[in-house]
Every structure is written in structure tokens, then in C-alpha cells.
């Protein structure tokens, strides 16, 4: 059982000592003397642990390496020549688990590495175990016991009781709103409101009014005073979902609100003080949105005091079967049944890539449950695993049984088209000949009906 460890340190003597120490604990160590060398190693193999020095030429690039997708599931420990609280804080906010000074203290570093080693070995054993799926842990509104999820839980514990803003990035179906709800529940604001606002579901000309509110008579149709989402979230948490879809002019106004902690309703000169914790979310890489001009760079840094990457389901190992069993248990409890997966079904579940993530898994289990009698075998999943919606498909065709209601037919077509376009809602709306707002309204209806994904 091999646990890979990357050591990145330009100090050859210190790097050698660190590598020897890590090998003595039981890690398979690979050394890199530069960021370029580290990049090549990360491309070549997966790493479970990384020990990164920030005292390299291009130190800021070293911090950027913390957010590399190649390290999303790894435990990252960073080190520096001096005790620099600001740098340590920044490293932790970028995803590091720990910061320690050179030369390293064998007792404290050894304890950390042994804990990580035990955790990695437990994960690998769970991934190879046969029989019933593991029971997944619950953390707030999230479920999962894999190392990527435990790493996420540790970060959320650190940040929950601060007022720092979070930017949650993850693929569609990974549970970004569940992260926001979990942070709210764990925070001192848990007794306050949790309010979610989808930036892509509201027309651009109405978004300012919806977010910041308006006074009576401030524009045509404003027949009464309106409290915006920021005011409604006072004392609690506001989730700004699909933040990269917000109009750039409104992004500038949002930045001002975040910096001043005051909001001005449309048509008013009065500033209203706010006490709101903001969590934003996107399924697009935020750095890419900054690069293509759809997200202001200054707003990005204001929103991403704590960047949070939500891992895709395919990287969560035994969680895949565990979540499938959890969803089946819920169905059995609700309908007073005792259906179970056979070994072939469990193998299929574990080996599928799940591009639609937890949402897709939940829908696939629901479909398999419906078409099965007592035992759920692999055939119960049909082709639903490939398109993410539990639908029977043939290429670009969705087969809908005779007698399916119009509402269910529409739902299947919309979800299949969304999956075909890789979760791109703008492209999906264009293909369906509907507005993006209409698409979001439909997806919100389905989400309310299906409930949280639990991932």
C-alpha cells in the first residue's frame, strides 16, 4: 500500500532531511527543487501528501500551486524560513492544512504525517473492501467519508465562525448550496436567515432591485417598497449562486456593498447598514472567469477570502457506493421496502464516472429502485449512468415511454440536454429554444421536488 508524498524545497540539504524523515514514517517520497519540477511530478502521478516550501523563486506561484486540481485531494503542509502570520494565514486560506517553520520539528511534523498516513491507509482499505458499501459520515448538510471530503470538512470548521467570505467552486451536482448551508449552520449566524439568490435566474434589469431592494415609485411597476435579498439576509448568510453570470456593472455595485457593508435601495439616498456573511458559488473555474472578463478581478479577491473547491464525485472513492446505499436506504424507509443492490450493481456504481455528480447518482438510484422488485442489479441502471439523468438514451435520442406525463417528459428532455452540454446552462437554453431564466426556473423546481443531494 503506497502513500505518495511530494517534497518541494529549493534548499537541497533541508529537502533531503525532510525526504528521509518522511520515508522513515512510511511515505513514498518524490523530491522537486523547483515549481516546474513539481508541476511535472503532479502531472505524472497522484499525491496523497505534499510538503511545499514557500521560500522559492516565484513564491506567489507556490501559493497558487496550493489550488492545483492535482492537489485537491492531498493533504498539503507548507513551510517557510520565518514565522510569518500573514503568509501562513494566506496559505491556509488557499487550501493548506498546516504551516510550519524551517527547520522542521520532528515531533510535531511526525505526528501530523502519521495521522495523515493512517487516514490514507484507511481510505485505500475502504476502496478495496468487498461486500456492503461503507456508511458515509454526515457533516452539516454534507455526506461523505472520503479523504477529499474530510479535507473539506476541516476547512469548513476553520472558516465557519469567521465572517470571511467563501467562493465555492465545483461541478454541477456536487452540492455547492449544501456547503453554504453547512457553513451557515456551523456559524454564530445559525439562528439568522439563510437566503439563496441565483444570479442567472433573474433578468439583468431586475437584478439590482432584487439584490438591493427599491423604493415605491423608483421605476415603472415599483408600486410598493421592496426589501432586497441583502436586507432579508441581515444577521445571517447570503448565497450568491452562479456569481459569474452577474452583469459587470452590477458586480461593481456589489463590490461597493461588500466593502462598505451598506446597501442603498434603488430610488433611495439612504444607506442601510448590513450584517451579512456572503458565500458565492460557481460551476466555472473562477480564475478562468476573471481571465475572460466575466468576473471582475477585484470582486473575485473580495469574494474568495476563502476559496473552497468541492470535489467531483468521481474523486471520492468509497463515497460513491456509500451515497448510493444512503439514497436507497432513504427510499426503503419511505416506502417500507427492503430492496438491495447486488454485487454487479455495486461494481457498476463504483466504476462509473458520474459526470452529473451526486445529483446524477441520486436520480440513477431512484430510477433503479422504481424498475426493480427486490434486488437491484446492473440492468436496472440501463443507460442512465452515461447521461446523468436516469433516462434511456441512444446517442442524441431520449426515449420516453408512452403515457409519461408532459411535465415529466419536459423534465427528462431538459435534464438530458443539460447533460449533453456538460452543464452549460446558456448552451442548454439555446438548444431548447428557451431563455436562461426559464431554464433556471425549471431546474429550481426540480431541485425543490428532488430535495438536497446529500453530497
Protein backbone atom coordinates (compact mmCIF):
# COMPACT_ATOMS: atom_id res chain seq x y z
CA UNK A 1 0.00 0.00 0.00
CA UNK A 2 1.80 3.12 -1.28
CA UNK A 3 1.22 6.65 0.02
CA UNK A 4 2.90 9.18 -2.29
CA UNK A 5 4.48 12.33 -0.83
CA UNK A 6 5.79 15.31 -2.80
CA UNK A 7 8.59 17.38 -1.24
CA UNK A 8 9.11 20.77 -2.93
CA UNK A 9 12.04 22.68 -1.47
CA UNK A 10 14.86 24.59 -3.15
CA UNK A 11 17.14 24.04 -0.14
CA UNK A 12 18.77 20.73 -1.10
CA UNK A 13 20.03 19.93 2.39
CA UNK A 14 16.71 20.64 4.06
CA UNK A 15 14.82 18.81 1.30
CA UNK A 16 16.97 15.72 1.78
CA UNK A 17 16.44 15.75 5.54
CA UNK A 18 12.71 16.18 5.06
CA UNK A 19 12.55 13.39 2.48
CA UNK A 20 14.49 10.99 4.72
CA UNK A 21 12.21 11.81 7.65
CA UNK A 22 9.04 11.22 5.61
CA UNK A 23 10.40 7.93 4.25
CA UNK A 24 11.12 6.81 7.79
CA UNK A 25 7.45 7.28 8.63
CA UNK A 26 6.41 5.12 5.67
CA UNK A 27 5.75 7.53 2.81
CA UNK A 28 6.94 7.09 -0.77
CA UNK A 29 8.78 10.38 -1.36
CA UNK A 30 9.40 12.29 -4.59
CA UNK A 31 11.55 15.43 -4.48
CA UNK A 32 11.27 18.58 -6.59
CA UNK A 33 13.67 21.52 -6.43
CA UNK A 34 11.53 23.96 -8.40
CA UNK A 35 7.92 24.75 -9.25
CA UNK A 36 8.49 23.45 -12.79
CA UNK A 37 9.77 20.11 -11.47
CA UNK A 38 6.82 19.89 -9.09
CA UNK A 39 4.41 20.52 -11.95
CA UNK A 40 5.88 17.64 -13.95
CA UNK A 41 5.59 15.26 -11.00
CA UNK A 42 1.99 16.31 -10.32
CA UNK A 43 1.11 15.62 -13.95
CA UNK A 44 2.74 12.18 -13.78
CA UNK A 45 1.22 10.67 -10.63
CA UNK A 46 -1.33 11.29 -7.85
CA UNK A 47 -0.04 12.51 -4.50
CA UNK A 48 -1.59 11.94 -1.09
CA UNK A 49 0.67 14.37 0.79
CA UNK A 50 2.64 17.45 -0.27
CA UNK A 51 5.28 19.35 1.71
CA UNK A 52 5.75 22.68 -0.05
CA UNK A 53 8.29 25.39 0.69
CA UNK A 54 7.17 28.96 0.04
CA UNK A 55 10.79 30.17 0.09
CA UNK A 56 11.33 29.61 -3.62
CA UNK A 57 11.80 31.97 -6.56
CA UNK A 58 8.25 32.84 -7.55
CA UNK A 59 6.86 32.29 -4.08
CA UNK A 60 3.45 33.58 -5.11
CA UNK A 61 3.33 30.83 -7.72
CA UNK A 62 3.95 28.43 -4.88
CA UNK A 63 0.80 29.71 -3.21
CA UNK A 64 -1.05 29.28 -6.50
CA UNK A 65 0.11 25.66 -6.58
CA UNK A 66 -1.98 25.08 -3.47
CA UNK A 67 -5.10 25.37 -5.62
CA UNK A 68 -3.89 22.98 -8.30
CA UNK A 69 -6.55 20.36 -9.12
CA UNK A 70 -3.76 17.78 -8.79
CA UNK A 71 -3.62 18.58 -5.06
CA UNK A 72 -7.36 18.87 -4.46
CA UNK A 73 -7.47 15.59 -2.51
CA UNK A 74 -3.98 15.82 -0.99
CA UNK A 75 -3.03 16.95 2.49
CA UNK A 76 -0.78 19.96 1.89
CA UNK A 77 1.70 21.20 4.51
CA UNK A 78 3.56 24.41 3.72
CA UNK A 79 6.79 25.64 5.28
CA UNK A 80 8.78 28.84 5.43
CA UNK A 81 12.06 30.18 6.80
CA UNK A 82 10.30 32.63 9.10
CA UNK A 83 7.20 32.69 11.24
CA UNK A 84 5.11 34.95 9.00
CA UNK A 85 1.50 35.01 10.30
CA UNK A 86 0.14 36.77 7.22
CA UNK A 87 1.72 34.31 4.84
CA UNK A 88 0.66 31.36 6.97
CA UNK A 89 -2.90 32.66 7.06
CA UNK A 90 -2.92 33.13 3.29
CA UNK A 91 -1.57 29.61 2.75
CA UNK A 92 -4.28 28.09 4.93
CA UNK A 93 -6.95 30.12 3.12
CA UNK A 94 -5.59 28.80 -0.18
CA UNK A 95 -6.06 25.22 0.99
CA UNK A 96 -3.03 24.24 3.10
CA UNK A 97 -3.72 22.06 6.12
CA UNK A 98 -0.76 23.31 8.17
CA UNK A 99 2.09 25.84 8.12
CA UNK A 100 5.40 25.12 9.86
CA UNK A 101 8.77 26.84 10.06
CA UNK A 102 12.16 25.57 8.94
CA UNK A 103 13.96 23.71 10.26
CA UNK A 104 11.07 21.34 10.93
CA UNK A 105 10.29 19.98 14.37
CA UNK A 106 10.39 16.19 14.15
CA UNK A 107 7.87 15.61 16.93
CA UNK A 108 5.09 17.87 15.61
CA UNK A 109 5.65 17.10 11.92
CA UNK A 110 5.91 13.40 12.68
CA UNK A 111 2.57 13.43 14.49
CA UNK A 112 0.92 15.17 11.53
CA UNK A 113 2.40 12.81 8.96
CA UNK A 114 1.49 9.69 10.96
CA UNK A 115 -2.12 10.90 11.24
CA UNK A 116 -2.22 11.54 7.50
CA UNK A 117 -0.65 8.15 6.78
CA UNK A 118 -3.26 6.36 8.91
CA UNK A 119 -6.04 8.25 7.17
CA UNK A 120 -4.71 7.43 3.69
CA UNK A 121 -4.30 3.75 4.54
CA UNK A 122 -7.87 3.63 5.86
CA UNK A 123 -9.12 5.22 2.63
CA UNK A 124 -7.23 2.74 0.48
CA UNK A 125 -8.51 -0.19 2.54
CA UNK A 126 -12.09 1.08 2.21
CA UNK A 127 -11.66 1.39 -1.54
CA UNK A 128 -10.52 -2.25 -1.80
CA UNK A 129 -13.00 -3.75 0.65
CA UNK A 130 -15.67 -6.10 -0.63
CA UNK A 131 -19.25 -6.54 0.50
CA UNK A 132 -21.65 -3.87 1.67
CA UNK A 133 -20.82 -0.20 0.93
CA UNK A 134 -19.37 1.83 3.76
CA UNK A 135 -21.66 4.06 5.79
CA UNK A 136 -20.93 7.68 4.89
CA UNK A 137 -20.45 10.27 7.59
CA UNK A 138 -22.62 13.38 7.81
CA UNK A 139 -21.17 16.85 8.32
CA UNK A 140 -23.85 19.52 8.38
CA UNK A 141 -25.79 19.06 5.13
CA UNK A 142 -22.92 17.16 3.51
CA UNK A 143 -22.33 13.42 3.41
CA UNK A 144 -19.10 11.59 2.76
CA UNK A 145 -16.18 9.91 4.50
CA UNK A 146 -13.53 10.07 1.78
CA UNK A 147 -10.31 12.00 2.24
CA UNK A 148 -11.33 14.84 -0.12
CA UNK A 149 -14.48 15.34 1.94
CA UNK A 150 -12.69 15.16 5.28
CA UNK A 151 -10.26 17.75 3.97
CA UNK A 152 -13.26 19.90 3.03
CA UNK A 153 -14.81 19.45 6.48
CA UNK A 154 -11.62 20.63 8.18
CA UNK A 155 -11.58 23.78 6.06
CA UNK A 156 -15.25 24.49 6.75
CA UNK A 157 -14.71 24.08 10.50
CA UNK A 158 -11.89 26.64 10.37
CA UNK A 159 -13.87 29.21 8.44
CA UNK A 160 -17.41 28.73 9.78
CA UNK A 161 -17.14 31.00 12.81
CA UNK A 162 -15.41 33.81 10.97
CA UNK A 163 -17.05 36.45 8.79
CA UNK A 164 -14.74 35.69 5.87
CA UNK A 165 -16.44 35.35 2.51
CA UNK A 166 -16.31 32.00 0.72
CA UNK A 167 -16.23 31.30 -3.00
CA UNK A 168 -17.33 27.71 -3.61
CA UNK A 169 -16.28 26.20 -6.92
CA UNK A 170 -17.46 22.80 -8.07
CA UNK A 171 -19.06 20.99 -10.95
CA UNK A 172 -22.84 20.91 -11.34
CA UNK A 173 -24.41 18.45 -8.93
CA UNK A 174 -21.62 18.42 -6.34
CA UNK A 175 -23.65 20.22 -3.66
CA UNK A 176 -22.45 23.83 -3.58
CA UNK A 177 -25.58 25.10 -1.84
CA UNK A 178 -25.19 22.34 0.75
CA UNK A 179 -21.71 23.71 1.53
CA UNK A 180 -23.18 27.18 2.05
CA UNK A 181 -25.95 25.82 4.28
CA UNK A 182 -23.43 23.81 6.29
CA UNK A 183 -21.23 26.86 6.89
CA UNK A 184 -24.30 28.83 7.96
CA UNK A 185 -25.42 26.08 10.36
CA UNK A 186 -21.98 25.81 11.97
CA UNK A 187 -21.57 29.57 12.37
CA UNK A 188 -22.67 32.02 15.02
CA UNK A 189 -25.27 33.17 12.48
CA UNK A 190 -27.15 29.87 12.53
CA UNK A 191 -30.19 31.45 14.18
CA UNK A 192 -30.32 34.11 11.46
CA UNK A 193 -31.74 33.69 7.96
CA UNK A 194 -30.13 31.72 5.17
CA UNK A 195 -31.07 33.28 1.84
CA UNK A 196 -30.08 31.98 -1.61
CA UNK A 197 -30.03 34.15 -4.73
CA UNK A 198 -29.35 32.71 -8.18
CA UNK A 199 -27.65 35.34 -10.31
CA UNK A 200 -28.50 33.56 -13.55
CA UNK A 201 -32.21 33.14 -12.83
CA UNK A 202 -33.09 36.86 -12.69
CA UNK A 203 -33.20 39.24 -15.65
CA UNK A 204 -30.31 41.72 -15.68
CA UNK A 205 -32.63 44.75 -15.50
CA UNK A 206 -34.29 43.41 -12.34
CA UNK A 207 -31.25 42.05 -10.51
CA UNK A 208 -30.24 45.29 -8.78
CA UNK A 209 -33.73 45.71 -7.39
CA UNK A 210 -33.87 42.07 -6.28
CA UNK A 211 -30.49 42.22 -4.54
CA UNK A 212 -30.56 45.70 -3.04
CA UNK A 213 -34.29 46.48 -2.90
CA UNK A 214 -36.19 49.51 -4.19
CA UNK A 215 -38.43 52.33 -3.01
CA UNK A 216 -42.01 52.79 -4.09
CA UNK A 217 -42.20 54.68 -7.38
CA UNK A 218 -38.48 54.32 -8.14
CA UNK A 219 -39.27 52.85 -11.57
CA UNK A 220 -42.24 51.77 -13.65
CA UNK A 221 -44.05 48.98 -11.83
CA UNK A 222 -42.50 49.73 -8.43
CA UNK A 223 -45.86 50.16 -6.71
CA UNK A 224 -44.53 49.40 -3.23
CA UNK A 225 -41.32 49.36 -1.23
CA UNK A 226 -39.26 46.19 -1.68
CA UNK A 227 -36.61 44.74 0.64
CA UNK A 228 -33.82 43.13 -1.35
CA UNK A 229 -32.03 39.86 -0.68
CA UNK A 230 -29.23 41.59 1.23
CA UNK A 231 -31.70 43.10 3.69
CA UNK A 232 -33.55 39.81 4.03
CA UNK A 233 -30.26 38.09 4.89
CA UNK A 234 -29.40 40.62 7.64
CA UNK A 235 -27.94 38.77 10.62
CA UNK A 236 -27.44 35.63 8.56
CA UNK A 237 -25.89 34.29 5.38
CA UNK A 238 -26.50 35.18 1.73
CA UNK A 239 -25.60 32.70 -1.00
CA UNK A 240 -24.90 34.29 -4.39
CA UNK A 241 -25.13 31.31 -6.72
CA UNK A 242 -23.77 31.39 -10.28
CA UNK A 243 -21.87 34.59 -9.42
CA UNK A 244 -20.04 34.61 -12.77
CA UNK A 245 -23.38 35.20 -14.54
CA UNK A 246 -23.86 38.61 -12.89
CA UNK A 247 -23.69 41.70 -15.12
CA UNK A 248 -20.35 43.53 -14.81
CA UNK A 249 -21.98 46.87 -13.93
CA UNK A 250 -23.82 45.21 -11.08
CA UNK A 251 -20.61 43.50 -9.98
CA UNK A 252 -19.13 46.95 -9.36
CA UNK A 253 -22.11 47.86 -7.17
CA UNK A 254 -21.87 44.55 -5.35
CA UNK A 255 -18.20 45.21 -4.61
CA UNK A 256 -19.11 48.55 -3.04
CA UNK A 257 -21.76 46.89 -0.85
CA UNK A 258 -19.29 44.26 0.32
CA UNK A 259 -16.63 46.84 1.14
CA UNK A 260 -18.88 49.35 2.92
CA UNK A 261 -21.29 46.78 4.43
CA UNK A 262 -24.07 49.15 3.46
CA UNK A 263 -26.78 48.91 0.83
CA UNK A 264 -28.81 51.60 -0.89
CA UNK A 265 -32.19 50.69 -2.33
CA UNK A 266 -32.95 51.71 -5.91
CA UNK A 267 -34.54 55.16 -5.75
CA UNK A 268 -33.20 55.98 -2.27
CA UNK A 269 -30.33 58.11 -0.96
CA UNK A 270 -30.29 56.40 2.44
CA UNK A 271 -27.61 53.85 3.26
CA UNK A 272 -28.76 50.81 5.24
CA UNK A 273 -26.16 49.08 7.43
CA UNK A 274 -25.76 45.36 6.80
CA UNK A 275 -24.59 42.41 8.87
CA UNK A 276 -24.42 39.67 6.25
CA UNK A 277 -21.99 36.83 5.60
CA UNK A 278 -21.65 36.26 1.84
CA UNK A 279 -20.99 32.88 0.27
CA UNK A 280 -20.76 32.80 -3.52
CA UNK A 281 -20.71 29.79 -5.81
CA UNK A 282 -19.94 28.91 -9.41
CA UNK A 283 -19.53 25.81 -11.54
CA UNK A 284 -16.98 27.65 -13.68
CA UNK A 285 -13.29 27.91 -12.72
CA UNK A 286 -13.28 31.41 -11.16
CA UNK A 287 -9.79 32.24 -12.40
CA UNK A 288 -11.00 31.48 -15.93
CA UNK A 289 -13.97 33.79 -15.44
CA UNK A 290 -11.58 36.56 -14.37
CA UNK A 291 -9.37 35.88 -17.39
CA UNK A 292 -12.25 36.05 -19.89
CA UNK A 293 -13.66 39.21 -18.30
CA UNK A 294 -16.92 37.80 -16.96
CA UNK A 295 -15.85 38.26 -13.32
CA UNK A 296 -14.16 41.41 -12.02
CA UNK A 297 -10.76 40.63 -10.56
CA UNK A 298 -11.25 42.93 -7.56
CA UNK A 299 -14.61 41.31 -6.82
CA UNK A 300 -13.07 37.85 -7.12
CA UNK A 301 -10.48 38.63 -4.44
CA UNK A 302 -13.18 40.12 -2.21
CA UNK A 303 -15.45 37.10 -2.59
CA UNK A 304 -12.69 34.50 -2.37
CA UNK A 305 -11.20 35.27 1.03
CA UNK A 306 -11.56 31.51 1.46
CA UNK A 307 -11.70 29.67 -1.88
CA UNK A 308 -13.43 26.30 -1.44
CA UNK A 309 -13.12 23.56 -4.05
CA UNK A 310 -15.86 20.95 -3.93
CA UNK A 311 -14.52 17.63 -5.27
CA UNK A 312 -16.35 15.82 -8.07
CA UNK A 313 -17.97 12.54 -7.09
CA UNK A 314 -15.57 10.51 -9.26
CA UNK A 315 -12.68 11.54 -6.97
CA UNK A 316 -14.44 10.46 -3.77
CA UNK A 317 -13.68 6.73 -3.82
CA UNK A 318 -15.86 4.65 -1.50
CA UNK A 319 -18.26 7.58 -1.02
CA UNK A 320 -19.83 6.67 -4.38
CA UNK A 321 -21.18 3.34 -3.18
CA UNK A 322 -21.83 4.75 0.28
CA UNK A 323 -24.02 7.55 -1.07
CA UNK A 324 -25.86 5.14 -3.38
CA UNK A 325 -26.65 2.97 -0.36
CA UNK A 326 -27.73 6.04 1.61
CA UNK A 327 -30.18 7.09 -1.13
CA UNK A 328 -31.51 3.52 -1.35
CA UNK A 329 -31.94 3.37 2.43
CA UNK A 330 -33.99 6.57 2.28
CA UNK A 331 -36.24 5.10 -0.41
CA UNK A 332 -36.66 1.86 1.53
CA UNK A 333 -37.55 3.75 4.70
CA UNK A 334 -40.05 5.99 2.90
CA UNK A 335 -41.81 3.13 1.11
CA UNK A 336 -41.36 0.41 3.78
CA UNK A 337 -39.40 -1.83 1.40
CA UNK A 338 -36.13 -3.79 1.63
CA UNK A 339 -34.55 -3.55 -1.82
CA UNK A 340 -30.79 -4.04 -2.04
CA UNK A 341 -28.01 -3.80 -4.63
CA UNK A 342 -26.37 -6.97 -5.90
CA UNK A 343 -22.59 -7.11 -6.36
CA UNK A 344 -22.76 -6.33 -10.10
CA UNK A 345 -24.80 -3.19 -9.43
CA UNK A 346 -22.34 -2.04 -6.78
CA UNK A 347 -19.43 -2.65 -9.15
CA UNK A 348 -21.17 -0.64 -11.87
CA UNK A 349 -21.87 2.20 -9.44
CA UNK A 350 -18.24 2.28 -8.29
CA UNK A 351 -16.79 2.19 -11.81
CA UNK A 352 -18.99 4.86 -13.42
CA UNK A 353 -17.63 8.38 -13.88
CA UNK A 354 -20.78 10.23 -12.76
CA UNK A 355 -20.36 13.46 -14.77
CA UNK A 356 -23.54 14.76 -13.13
CA UNK A 357 -22.04 14.02 -9.69
CA UNK A 358 -24.20 13.44 -6.61
CA UNK A 359 -27.36 14.69 -8.31
CA UNK A 360 -26.91 12.17 -11.12
CA UNK A 361 -26.21 9.35 -8.67
CA UNK A 362 -29.36 10.13 -6.71
CA UNK A 363 -31.54 10.16 -9.83
CA UNK A 364 -29.99 6.92 -11.08
CA UNK A 365 -30.67 5.16 -7.77
CA UNK A 366 -34.26 6.43 -7.78
CA UNK A 367 -34.81 5.08 -11.29
CA UNK A 368 -33.21 1.72 -10.45
CA UNK A 369 -35.42 1.46 -7.37
CA UNK A 370 -38.57 2.13 -9.40
CA UNK A 371 -37.86 -0.53 -12.04
CA UNK A 372 -36.71 -3.23 -9.58
CA UNK A 373 -38.67 -5.71 -7.49
CA UNK A 374 -36.41 -6.97 -4.69
CA UNK A 375 -32.85 -7.00 -5.96
CA UNK A 376 -31.36 -4.04 -7.85
CA UNK A 377 -28.98 -5.44 -10.45
CA UNK A 378 -26.82 -3.70 -13.04
CA UNK A 379 -29.52 -3.85 -15.71
CA UNK A 380 -31.74 -1.60 -13.58
CA UNK A 381 -29.43 1.30 -14.35
CA UNK A 382 -29.76 0.85 -18.12
CA UNK A 383 -28.07 3.73 -19.97
CA UNK A 384 -28.86 6.29 -17.29
CA UNK A 385 -25.30 6.29 -15.99
CA UNK A 386 -23.95 7.69 -19.23
CA UNK A 387 -26.21 10.71 -19.49
CA UNK A 388 -26.66 11.54 -15.84
CA UNK A 389 -30.44 11.65 -15.63
CA UNK A 390 -31.61 8.06 -15.36
CA UNK A 391 -33.01 8.29 -18.91
CA UNK A 392 -32.85 5.67 -21.63
CA UNK A 393 -30.84 7.18 -24.43
CA UNK A 394 -29.44 6.20 -27.78
CA UNK A 395 -26.88 8.74 -28.94
CA UNK A 396 -28.67 12.08 -29.12
CA UNK A 397 -32.12 10.48 -28.64
CA UNK A 398 -34.10 10.38 -25.40
CA UNK A 399 -36.64 7.54 -25.26
CA UNK A 400 -39.74 8.49 -23.28
CA UNK A 401 -42.30 5.73 -22.61
CA UNK A 402 -45.86 6.18 -23.86
CA UNK A 403 -48.03 7.55 -21.08
CA UNK A 404 -45.32 9.70 -19.50
CA UNK A 405 -46.83 12.99 -18.33
CA UNK A 406 -45.98 16.20 -20.18
CA UNK A 407 -44.29 17.59 -17.07
CA UNK A 408 -42.08 14.50 -16.66
CA UNK A 409 -41.31 14.44 -20.40
CA UNK A 410 -40.24 18.08 -20.27
CA UNK A 411 -38.08 17.37 -17.23
CA UNK A 412 -36.34 14.44 -18.92
CA UNK A 413 -35.64 16.42 -22.08
CA UNK A 414 -34.29 19.41 -20.17
CA UNK A 415 -32.02 17.32 -17.93
CA UNK A 416 -30.74 15.21 -20.84
CA UNK A 417 -29.96 18.34 -22.86
CA UNK A 418 -28.19 19.90 -19.89
CA UNK A 419 -26.04 16.79 -19.50
CA UNK A 420 -25.31 16.71 -23.24
CA UNK A 421 -23.96 20.26 -22.97
CA UNK A 422 -21.80 19.41 -19.96
CA UNK A 423 -23.85 21.51 -17.54
CA UNK A 424 -23.53 24.68 -19.67
CA UNK A 425 -26.86 26.34 -18.97
CA UNK A 426 -26.53 29.04 -21.63
CA UNK A 427 -25.91 26.44 -24.35
CA UNK A 428 -28.71 24.25 -22.97
CA UNK A 429 -31.22 27.10 -23.05
CA UNK A 430 -30.21 27.96 -26.61
CA UNK A 431 -30.60 24.34 -27.74
CA UNK A 432 -34.04 24.12 -26.14
CA UNK A 433 -35.16 27.48 -27.52
CA UNK A 434 -35.93 28.94 -24.08
CA UNK A 435 -34.44 31.74 -22.02
CA UNK A 436 -31.76 31.06 -19.42
CA UNK A 437 -34.15 32.39 -16.78
CA UNK A 438 -36.81 29.85 -17.81
CA UNK A 439 -34.23 27.07 -17.64
CA UNK A 440 -33.20 28.10 -14.13
CA UNK A 441 -36.83 28.27 -13.03
CA UNK A 442 -37.34 24.69 -14.23
CA UNK A 443 -34.14 23.45 -12.59
CA UNK A 444 -35.12 25.12 -9.31
CA UNK A 445 -38.50 23.37 -9.46
CA UNK A 446 -36.79 20.01 -9.97
CA UNK A 447 -34.36 20.70 -7.13
CA UNK A 448 -37.24 21.53 -4.75
CA UNK A 449 -39.05 18.36 -5.77
CA UNK A 450 -36.00 16.11 -5.53
CA UNK A 451 -34.67 17.63 -2.30
CA UNK A 452 -30.98 18.05 -1.39
CA UNK A 453 -28.47 15.69 -2.95
CA UNK A 454 -26.91 14.86 0.38
CA UNK A 455 -23.39 15.03 -1.02
